[in-house]
Every structure is written in structure tokens, then in C-alpha cells.
Amino acid sequence: MAEQLSACPECHEAYTYENGALLVCPMCGHEWSPEADSDTAEGAQPVIRDAVGNVLNDGDDVTIVKDLKVKGAGGVVKVGTKVREIRLSEFVVDGHDIDARVPGFGHMQLKSSVVKKAT
């Protein structure tokens, strides 16, 4: 008999399945590792990933993967702009989980879905 897999931490459905080393929820599309279940239960911060799935950490360098209109500044942050030494925000506001200093624009909050970890 197969062991019971844990329910999805996002939508709490029980229809999870294994895909390699990850668990996947077909209902909402959320993917997580089985080890992450025990980490989030202890109150650890969730893992923040970039647009291609790389794990981001404080102090990483990232590049912008799409043009971003900047409200209030009247400009556009172009694709390929390199942002150095990001900080992961404890307080996520409207999906903006990265604090950074963008060249030419100053301090901004970015979404992890519009950046890629620089190599």
C-alpha cells in the first residue's frame, strides 16, 4: 500500500502526487518539496524563487526579465537591467517580495516573478 501524501499547503486539497523530488497539486498547480512541509510547520520563512525557479537569497544579484513601468517616476526599467544585492522582504505587499536599489530609479520593491538570478 502506498503511503499517504500530505495535502497541498496552498489550497488544502488531498489530490497531491509526486513528480520527481517534488509534490504537486493538480488543483492549484502549487509545487513543493516534502521537506518544506516540516520547515513551514516550524514557522520558517517560505522559499522565494525567481521567474525560472531558482531560489533567491539575500545579497543575490538579479536581472529584470520584462520591461517594468514605474508609477510616479514616469519611466521604464528595461529588460536585462542588473540589480545588485537584493534583500528579501519579510512583509510581502501585493506580491512584491524583494527590496532592491534599481540603477537609475533608486529603492524599489520588485516581484520575484519578474527577475532572474544573475550568474
N, C-alpha and C. Protein backbone atom coordinates (compact mmCIF):
# COMPACT_ATOMS: atom_id res chain seq x y z
N MET A 1 0.84 -1.17 0.00
CA MET A 1 0.00 0.00 0.00
C MET A 1 0.89 1.24 0.00
N ALA A 2 0.55 2.24 -0.82
CA ALA A 2 1.35 3.45 -0.91
C ALA A 2 1.10 4.33 0.32
N GLU A 3 2.14 5.07 0.70
CA GLU A 3 1.98 5.96 1.85
C GLU A 3 1.14 7.17 1.47
N GLN A 4 0.46 7.75 2.43
CA GLN A 4 -0.41 8.90 2.21
C GLN A 4 0.43 10.16 2.05
N LEU A 5 0.21 10.90 0.96
CA LEU A 5 0.92 12.16 0.73
C LEU A 5 0.19 13.29 1.45
N SER A 6 0.95 14.30 1.83
CA SER A 6 0.33 15.42 2.55
C SER A 6 -0.52 16.27 1.61
N ALA A 7 -1.48 16.96 2.18
CA ALA A 7 -2.35 17.85 1.40
C ALA A 7 -1.58 19.09 0.96
N CYS A 8 -2.09 19.75 -0.05
CA CYS A 8 -1.46 20.96 -0.59
C CYS A 8 -1.48 22.07 0.47
N PRO A 9 -0.34 22.72 0.72
CA PRO A 9 -0.32 23.79 1.72
C PRO A 9 -1.02 25.07 1.24
N GLU A 10 -1.25 25.20 -0.07
CA GLU A 10 -1.91 26.40 -0.60
C GLU A 10 -3.43 26.28 -0.57
N CYS A 11 -3.96 25.21 -1.21
CA CYS A 11 -5.43 25.08 -1.32
C CYS A 11 -6.00 23.98 -0.44
N HIS A 12 -5.14 23.21 0.23
CA HIS A 12 -5.51 22.17 1.18
C HIS A 12 -6.27 20.99 0.56
N GLU A 13 -6.12 20.79 -0.76
CA GLU A 13 -6.72 19.62 -1.42
C GLU A 13 -5.83 18.41 -1.20
N ALA A 14 -6.42 17.22 -1.21
CA ALA A 14 -5.68 15.99 -0.93
C ALA A 14 -5.24 15.26 -2.19
N TYR A 15 -5.37 15.85 -3.36
CA TYR A 15 -5.07 15.18 -4.62
C TYR A 15 -3.62 15.36 -5.06
N THR A 16 -2.69 15.42 -4.14
CA THR A 16 -1.28 15.64 -4.49
C THR A 16 -0.66 14.39 -5.09
N TYR A 17 0.38 14.60 -5.89
CA TYR A 17 1.13 13.48 -6.46
C TYR A 17 2.60 13.85 -6.51
N GLU A 18 3.45 12.83 -6.66
CA GLU A 18 4.89 13.04 -6.70
C GLU A 18 5.32 13.28 -8.14
N ASN A 19 6.24 14.23 -8.33
CA ASN A 19 6.85 14.50 -9.62
C ASN A 19 8.35 14.66 -9.36
N GLY A 20 9.07 13.56 -9.42
CA GLY A 20 10.48 13.58 -9.06
C GLY A 20 10.62 13.78 -7.56
N ALA A 21 11.37 14.81 -7.17
CA ALA A 21 11.58 15.09 -5.75
C ALA A 21 10.52 16.04 -5.18
N LEU A 22 9.60 16.51 -6.03
CA LEU A 22 8.60 17.47 -5.58
C LEU A 22 7.23 16.84 -5.44
N LEU A 23 6.38 17.46 -4.65
CA LEU A 23 4.98 17.12 -4.59
C LEU A 23 4.23 18.20 -5.38
N VAL A 24 3.20 17.79 -6.12
CA VAL A 24 2.47 18.72 -6.99
C VAL A 24 0.98 18.62 -6.70
N CYS A 25 0.31 19.75 -6.69
CA CYS A 25 -1.14 19.80 -6.52
C CYS A 25 -1.77 20.07 -7.89
N PRO A 26 -2.56 19.14 -8.42
CA PRO A 26 -3.18 19.37 -9.73
C PRO A 26 -4.31 20.40 -9.69
N MET A 27 -4.80 20.71 -8.52
CA MET A 27 -5.92 21.65 -8.40
C MET A 27 -5.46 23.11 -8.57
N CYS A 28 -4.34 23.48 -7.91
CA CYS A 28 -3.89 24.87 -7.99
C CYS A 28 -2.53 25.01 -8.67
N GLY A 29 -1.83 23.88 -8.93
CA GLY A 29 -0.54 23.93 -9.61
C GLY A 29 0.63 24.20 -8.70
N HIS A 30 0.42 24.25 -7.40
CA HIS A 30 1.49 24.53 -6.45
C HIS A 30 2.45 23.33 -6.37
N GLU A 31 3.76 23.61 -6.34
CA GLU A 31 4.78 22.58 -6.20
C GLU A 31 5.59 22.86 -4.94
N TRP A 32 5.96 21.82 -4.21
CA TRP A 32 6.77 21.98 -3.00
C TRP A 32 7.50 20.68 -2.73
N SER A 33 8.55 20.78 -1.93
CA SER A 33 9.30 19.58 -1.56
C SER A 33 8.73 19.02 -0.27
N PRO A 34 8.79 17.71 -0.09
CA PRO A 34 8.27 17.12 1.15
C PRO A 34 8.97 17.66 2.40
N GLU A 35 10.26 18.02 2.28
CA GLU A 35 10.98 18.58 3.41
C GLU A 35 10.44 19.94 3.78
N ALA A 36 9.86 20.67 2.82
CA ALA A 36 9.33 22.00 3.09
C ALA A 36 8.12 21.92 4.01
N ASP A 37 7.40 20.80 4.00
CA ASP A 37 6.26 20.64 4.89
C ASP A 37 6.68 20.79 6.35
N SER A 38 7.78 20.15 6.71
CA SER A 38 8.23 20.23 8.10
C SER A 38 8.81 21.60 8.42
N ASP A 39 9.45 22.27 7.43
CA ASP A 39 10.02 23.59 7.66
C ASP A 39 8.93 24.64 7.89
N THR A 40 7.87 24.62 7.07
CA THR A 40 6.84 25.63 7.22
C THR A 40 6.03 25.40 8.48
N ALA A 41 5.96 24.16 8.96
CA ALA A 41 5.23 23.89 10.18
C ALA A 41 5.93 24.52 11.39
N GLU A 42 7.24 24.68 11.30
CA GLU A 42 8.00 25.26 12.40
C GLU A 42 8.06 26.78 12.32
N GLY A 43 7.42 27.39 11.32
CA GLY A 43 7.39 28.84 11.22
C GLY A 43 8.53 29.43 10.41
N ALA A 44 9.24 28.65 9.63
CA ALA A 44 10.32 29.16 8.80
C ALA A 44 9.74 29.99 7.66
N GLN A 45 10.53 30.93 7.14
CA GLN A 45 10.08 31.74 6.02
C GLN A 45 9.97 30.88 4.77
N PRO A 46 8.98 31.15 3.92
CA PRO A 46 8.85 30.38 2.69
C PRO A 46 10.00 30.69 1.73
N VAL A 47 10.30 29.75 0.87
CA VAL A 47 11.36 29.92 -0.11
C VAL A 47 10.84 30.81 -1.23
N ILE A 48 11.63 31.81 -1.62
CA ILE A 48 11.26 32.70 -2.71
C ILE A 48 12.07 32.32 -3.93
N ARG A 49 11.37 32.09 -5.05
CA ARG A 49 12.01 31.68 -6.29
C ARG A 49 11.83 32.75 -7.36
N ASP A 50 12.80 32.80 -8.30
CA ASP A 50 12.72 33.77 -9.39
C ASP A 50 11.82 33.25 -10.51
N ALA A 51 11.80 33.94 -11.64
CA ALA A 51 10.91 33.61 -12.75
C ALA A 51 11.17 32.24 -13.36
N VAL A 52 12.39 31.72 -13.21
CA VAL A 52 12.72 30.41 -13.80
C VAL A 52 12.87 29.32 -12.74
N GLY A 53 12.61 29.63 -11.49
CA GLY A 53 12.61 28.61 -10.44
C GLY A 53 13.84 28.55 -9.57
N ASN A 54 14.80 29.43 -9.77
CA ASN A 54 16.00 29.44 -8.91
C ASN A 54 15.65 30.04 -7.56
N VAL A 55 16.22 29.49 -6.48
CA VAL A 55 15.99 30.00 -5.13
C VAL A 55 16.77 31.30 -4.95
N LEU A 56 16.08 32.33 -4.44
CA LEU A 56 16.72 33.62 -4.20
C LEU A 56 17.09 33.76 -2.73
N ASN A 57 18.22 34.42 -2.47
CA ASN A 57 18.70 34.67 -1.11
C ASN A 57 19.06 36.14 -0.98
N ASP A 58 19.15 36.62 0.26
CA ASP A 58 19.61 37.99 0.50
C ASP A 58 21.00 38.16 -0.10
N GLY A 59 21.23 39.30 -0.76
CA GLY A 59 22.54 39.61 -1.32
C GLY A 59 22.76 39.10 -2.73
N ASP A 60 21.80 38.39 -3.31
CA ASP A 60 21.94 37.90 -4.69
C ASP A 60 21.85 39.04 -5.67
N ASP A 61 22.44 38.84 -6.86
CA ASP A 61 22.28 39.76 -7.97
C ASP A 61 21.26 39.16 -8.92
N VAL A 62 20.37 39.99 -9.46
CA VAL A 62 19.32 39.53 -10.37
C VAL A 62 19.27 40.45 -11.59
N THR A 63 18.65 39.94 -12.66
CA THR A 63 18.37 40.75 -13.83
C THR A 63 16.87 40.79 -14.07
N ILE A 64 16.39 41.89 -14.61
CA ILE A 64 14.97 42.07 -14.89
C ILE A 64 14.65 41.31 -16.18
N VAL A 65 13.53 40.55 -16.20
CA VAL A 65 13.20 39.73 -17.37
C VAL A 65 12.09 40.33 -18.23
N LYS A 66 11.48 41.44 -17.81
CA LYS A 66 10.48 42.12 -18.65
C LYS A 66 10.47 43.60 -18.31
N ASP A 67 10.08 44.42 -19.29
CA ASP A 67 10.00 45.86 -19.06
C ASP A 67 9.00 46.16 -17.95
N LEU A 68 9.39 47.05 -17.03
CA LEU A 68 8.54 47.41 -15.91
C LEU A 68 8.24 48.90 -15.94
N LYS A 69 6.97 49.26 -16.04
CA LYS A 69 6.59 50.66 -15.95
C LYS A 69 6.65 51.08 -14.49
N VAL A 70 7.27 52.21 -14.22
CA VAL A 70 7.44 52.68 -12.86
C VAL A 70 6.43 53.78 -12.59
N LYS A 71 5.51 53.51 -11.68
CA LYS A 71 4.49 54.50 -11.34
C LYS A 71 5.13 55.66 -10.58
N GLY A 72 4.77 56.86 -10.95
CA GLY A 72 5.27 58.04 -10.26
C GLY A 72 6.56 58.58 -10.84
N ALA A 73 7.39 57.71 -11.40
CA ALA A 73 8.67 58.16 -11.94
C ALA A 73 8.57 58.44 -13.43
N GLY A 74 7.55 57.89 -14.08
CA GLY A 74 7.36 58.14 -15.50
C GLY A 74 8.41 57.50 -16.38
N GLY A 75 8.98 56.40 -15.95
CA GLY A 75 10.00 55.73 -16.74
C GLY A 75 9.75 54.24 -16.83
N VAL A 76 10.68 53.56 -17.48
CA VAL A 76 10.57 52.12 -17.66
C VAL A 76 11.90 51.48 -17.27
N VAL A 77 11.84 50.45 -16.44
CA VAL A 77 13.03 49.65 -16.15
C VAL A 77 13.11 48.62 -17.26
N LYS A 78 14.18 48.64 -18.04
CA LYS A 78 14.32 47.81 -19.24
C LYS A 78 14.72 46.38 -18.91
N VAL A 79 14.39 45.48 -19.83
CA VAL A 79 14.81 44.08 -19.73
C VAL A 79 16.33 44.02 -19.69
N GLY A 80 16.87 43.17 -18.85
CA GLY A 80 18.31 43.00 -18.76
C GLY A 80 18.99 43.90 -17.75
N THR A 81 18.25 44.80 -17.12
CA THR A 81 18.84 45.67 -16.09
C THR A 81 19.29 44.80 -14.92
N LYS A 82 20.55 44.96 -14.54
CA LYS A 82 21.10 44.16 -13.44
C LYS A 82 20.90 44.91 -12.13
N VAL A 83 20.32 44.20 -11.17
CA VAL A 83 20.08 44.76 -9.83
C VAL A 83 20.97 43.98 -8.87
N ARG A 84 21.79 44.69 -8.11
CA ARG A 84 22.75 44.04 -7.24
C ARG A 84 22.28 44.04 -5.79
N GLU A 85 22.67 42.98 -5.09
CA GLU A 85 22.46 42.84 -3.65
C GLU A 85 21.02 43.09 -3.21
N ILE A 86 20.12 42.22 -3.65
CA ILE A 86 18.71 42.33 -3.27
C ILE A 86 18.51 41.91 -1.82
N ARG A 87 17.41 42.30 -1.25
CA ARG A 87 17.01 41.87 0.09
C ARG A 87 15.60 41.29 -0.02
N LEU A 88 15.40 40.12 0.55
CA LEU A 88 14.08 39.51 0.57
C LEU A 88 13.26 40.17 1.67
N SER A 89 12.09 40.60 1.32
CA SER A 89 11.25 41.35 2.24
C SER A 89 10.47 40.41 3.16
N GLU A 90 10.41 40.76 4.43
CA GLU A 90 9.60 40.00 5.38
C GLU A 90 8.12 40.28 5.18
N PHE A 91 7.81 41.49 4.75
CA PHE A 91 6.43 41.92 4.59
C PHE A 91 6.10 42.02 3.11
N VAL A 92 5.42 41.01 2.58
CA VAL A 92 5.06 40.97 1.17
C VAL A 92 3.81 41.83 0.96
N VAL A 93 3.94 42.84 0.11
CA VAL A 93 2.83 43.73 -0.18
C VAL A 93 2.46 43.57 -1.65
N ASP A 94 1.27 43.04 -1.91
CA ASP A 94 0.75 42.88 -3.26
C ASP A 94 1.71 42.07 -4.14
N GLY A 95 2.35 41.07 -3.57
CA GLY A 95 3.25 40.20 -4.33
C GLY A 95 4.67 40.71 -4.47
N HIS A 96 4.97 41.90 -3.98
CA HIS A 96 6.31 42.47 -4.06
C HIS A 96 7.13 41.95 -2.88
N ASP A 97 7.97 40.95 -3.16
CA ASP A 97 8.70 40.28 -2.09
C ASP A 97 10.20 40.55 -2.09
N ILE A 98 10.66 41.50 -2.91
CA ILE A 98 12.08 41.84 -2.99
C ILE A 98 12.24 43.35 -2.80
N ASP A 99 13.17 43.74 -1.93
CA ASP A 99 13.58 45.14 -1.79
C ASP A 99 14.90 45.28 -2.52
N ALA A 100 15.01 46.31 -3.37
CA ALA A 100 16.23 46.46 -4.16
C ALA A 100 16.48 47.92 -4.50
N ARG A 101 17.70 48.21 -4.87
CA ARG A 101 18.06 49.53 -5.38
C ARG A 101 18.33 49.36 -6.88
N VAL A 102 17.40 49.86 -7.70
CA VAL A 102 17.49 49.71 -9.15
C VAL A 102 18.26 50.89 -9.72
N PRO A 103 19.29 50.62 -10.54
CA PRO A 103 20.09 51.71 -11.12
C PRO A 103 19.22 52.68 -11.92
N GLY A 104 19.32 53.96 -11.62
CA GLY A 104 18.57 54.98 -12.32
C GLY A 104 17.20 55.27 -11.72
N PHE A 105 16.75 54.45 -10.77
CA PHE A 105 15.42 54.63 -10.18
C PHE A 105 15.46 54.68 -8.66
N GLY A 106 16.48 54.16 -8.03
CA GLY A 106 16.57 54.15 -6.59
C GLY A 106 15.90 52.94 -5.97
N HIS A 107 15.49 53.09 -4.70
CA HIS A 107 14.91 51.98 -3.94
C HIS A 107 13.53 51.63 -4.49
N MET A 108 13.33 50.33 -4.74
CA MET A 108 12.05 49.84 -5.25
C MET A 108 11.74 48.49 -4.63
N GLN A 109 10.47 48.11 -4.70
CA GLN A 109 10.07 46.75 -4.36
C GLN A 109 9.73 46.05 -5.66
N LEU A 110 10.24 44.82 -5.81
CA LEU A 110 10.03 44.04 -7.03
C LEU A 110 9.34 42.74 -6.71
N LYS A 111 8.69 42.17 -7.71
CA LYS A 111 8.11 40.84 -7.59
C LYS A 111 9.15 39.84 -8.05
N SER A 112 9.22 38.71 -7.39
CA SER A 112 10.19 37.68 -7.78
C SER A 112 9.87 37.09 -9.15
N SER A 113 8.64 37.26 -9.63
CA SER A 113 8.25 36.71 -10.93
C SER A 113 8.80 37.52 -12.11
N VAL A 114 9.40 38.68 -11.85
CA VAL A 114 9.95 39.50 -12.96
C VAL A 114 11.46 39.60 -12.91
N VAL A 115 12.11 38.77 -12.09
CA VAL A 115 13.58 38.78 -12.02
C VAL A 115 14.13 37.37 -12.24
N LYS A 116 15.40 37.33 -12.67
CA LYS A 116 16.09 36.05 -12.84
C LYS A 116 17.44 36.18 -12.15
N LYS A 117 17.82 35.17 -11.41
CA LYS A 117 19.09 35.19 -10.68
C LYS A 117 20.25 35.31 -11.67
N ALA A 118 21.13 36.29 -11.43
CA ALA A 118 22.28 36.51 -12.29
C ALA A 118 23.36 35.48 -11.99
N THR A 119 24.08 35.10 -13.04
CA THR A 119 25.14 34.11 -12.86
C THR A 119 26.49 34.75 -12.77
